[in-house]
Amino acid sequence: MITVLKDSYPVARKEHKCMFCGHIIKPGEKYHRQTLVYDDKPYDWIMDMDCDTVFNFVVDVMRFNGYDEEYIDEDNFNDEIWQIITDELNISKNDAFNLTHHERVMIVKEHLPELKKTLEKEKHEYYEYQKKLLYFNNMRYRHQHGELNADEITQYKKEYEEWILAR
């Protein structure tokens, strides 16, 4: 389990390197620093403000797509950034390959408002699908156990067929 001991946004007094994208944080620039404990070992995690801006969105996308690990490291983060720019923003893999990690993060940051809207729409559609699926599973169960009358069975079958055809 990860424990956050300290979470701060200091101004750099010396150069640091973002642990997600490798961008150099220069003296005078604000950055995000966390002191964490993982497996009983403390360490500092540093990210530039661009990665900090897109981090929560990337985590949200990863969780929505089934990622359930406790932590997100630079490989997970950069893999998800890659997926976002090639799948959602339709940047060719060849063009994406020629970009630095930081340039990819900047593209996601630039498109963040529209990406958030798309994710919320996808979540809504997914939850609506799950609700409908639960409804039909409940109706099927009731049908199998003789709890529906003939009209309800006809209505259930009609709704189910319409739902399947609409997908």
Foldseek 3Di string as FASTA:
>chain_A
DKDWPDKDWDADCAWDAQQQFRDIRHGRATWIWTWMADPNDTDIHIHGVLCVQCVVVLVVVCVVVPDDDPDAGNVNSLVSLLCCCCPVVVDPPVVVVPDGSVVSSVVCSVCVVVSVVVVVVVVVVVVVVVVVVVVLVVLVVCVVVVNDDPVSVVVSVVVVVVVVVVD
